């Protein structure tokens, strides 16, 4: 008998019971997110027919609806062997209304704009383009999904943990009777990434089965939950400071804040925390904090490793542009490798939404007089230059107001260069910086603050900038692609090959203002002959050679001018170089392949995590002061030597994700690696032991110590991996941030996956101290 016929034979009473259970689960989950009576949530729960669009000819009607857990969307599928026809709201990066995707813009008429919306997933999963029957339904789908995403993001760490555990309980409850027998308990433990032997599982079950009924329900499940989530390490901390009748008084809490957390706190701060986190009204009235309230406080963002003072824009943004590290992308248009990978406007959107402030456009002649973007002489797909500029305009300032640099790699004929210039000027409009700011020839860069909401073009220019203030239109040079020039110079050619030269259209030349691309002919030549706005790009091998052999000169060069570093052409897999030595040399535009989620991108994300994640980080004073003699490879005494000792105890982890979700018995064996990245003498790495078969609540309690010489350039990276004796360890999660942005004391650390997205409910618990060395 088919599965469908079996379902048809279910008794009406069983069907009714299941529907009642679904409504109960829905209400429970909706209430947890504060949305149990929300009309948009109910609309998604009912669901409806949507048209899935892949091309002009592939457009299929599918039924979509939100499941009872309030975080999983189910959809129809005609594929007989399709293993999964659901996706989690946690996997959605954004929901966009209108025809903003490539598929929509190519295959759907503009008159259908109001019916279209796209679901963009985290990582490399394809965009889901959907059309509703009418504008109202499309708007409600977008509104409802965005509301759920917002609520899930705003859950506290405690709420996320509870939500995750309850979800795992529902998955383990196969017959949906809201009870848990021993077999279901074992299944649940595997769901939460912990493997226990049968004897322990039976002991745990019997301890909770007060009714001796052979299953757990209601208060028994609550008891089981409390036993499972009990944090022994927090008990120890609480007991140490709770000196007032076994509870934490306001005075005790202040003592903890001052001595353990090293915060500049007062009694009013302690009372504020009690008011905010203590749930027991009687305890709160006594101005005390219970163990539950203390645990809730420790799990809140107030106790994150990242200092709250660094979360918003806090740095001076009025310095010249070249005084900042600038988050920068290479081959921004690619979503995979640079030999045959797809090119996509979506890649620009993703980079900009991560606050990337410098994107690259490889421009070539296209059909019908329209320039295209792709990786030349390869099998990568092509996108229209015009579409890329439109996408950049729409998303440039969604996450940061500070200026975006468009780095042009120009391979186009003069005629198509004119088309490029026309698209840039017409699409970007007043946001394009096409003239120097002010009434006089500038002698220095404007600041990010002055350039808010503006676009700068980086590329070739036919004359000096003073031509913008005079009638001097003398053409000084022909031009070639900047990266072609760099490659030829590295091969020992003092000037580019004649056949590589192309003419430059004056209309495109004129909109290059503060980022004029020029040859690099040595630091002395740059100092004597080049204007501040004349900048060079360096292939990684050249840049690393300069950083190693002429570091101080490189740093001084970057005090006056901008430098752009890009990956070598041999990186056909779009891998990345280590950006840290380039930042140590004061380079601003350290361009990386954003589409390749590896360690180098984790470091980049950590570098630009503070200052409101705006894409600009002010360089240390010793990289901006002309009198500085800082050399990251040969440290002498100077203001950069601010020695610190980093003490870190890796205590525990919570709710690490299963890596092999398809294998039910797969449990991780986690260990933690603590890395410091900075100047060469500061680079270090230490590891804990691994813990077998426990990703739910592993505990290490291992202490490490690091000596740091230049803390202003140092990054701390915490990595959790799954130990494997037979093959390479798999990444479970990681977190990276500048050393000068950490908070001392007991801190919870959110974990990010390899793509840089937060892993819901997972985290590390550490004790950290960054102290001056003893005299």
Foldseek 3Di string as FASTA:
>chain_A
DDPVVVVVPDDPVLVVVVVVLLLVLLLVLCVLLPRNPPPLLVDQQVWDWKWWFDAQPDIDIKTWHQGSLSFKIAIDDPDPPDPDRIDGLLFFPAKAAFQLFPRSVHRPDNVQRLQWMWTHGFFQDDITIIGDPDNVSSVSVRVSSVSSNVSQVPDFLVSLQVSQLVVLLCVLPVSSPQKAALSSQQLSCLQLFFHDDSVVSVVLLVVLPPVPPRIDHDVSVVVSVCVQPDDVVLVVVQQVQQPDVSWAALVSVVVCCCPFQVDPDDSVRSLVLLVVQAPDVVCNVRRTHHSNSVVSVQRGPPFAFFFPCFQAQDDDQFDFALQWAFQAADLQQFLWFQAATEGTLVSVLVCLVLQHQEYEFEWEQDPPLFIWGGRPPHNYDIDTLLSNLLSCLVRNPPQAQFHHEYEYQDPYAQSSLVVNLVSNCVRLPPQQQLADPDLADDQTGGTRVVNGSHYAYAEAAQDDNCCSVDVDPDGDDFDAGQVQQQVVVVVPDPGHDPVRTHGYHNSNNSSHHQHHEDDDPDLVCCVPPNGLSYEHEHEPVRLVVCLVPVLQSLLLSSLRHAYAYDYDPVPRRQAFDACLSVVLSSHRHDHGHLSDLDPNVLQSSQAQSTSNSNRIDRRDVLSNDNVHRDRLADDDDDPQFQKKKKKKWFFKKASFRFPCVVDSNGHFFKKKKKFKDHRPVQTDIDIFDTHPRDPHIDTTRDMDMGMDGRQSSMKIKMWMWGDDPPDDTHTRFMHMHRSVRTGARWHKHFTAPSSRHTDRSIITIMGMDIGGDDD
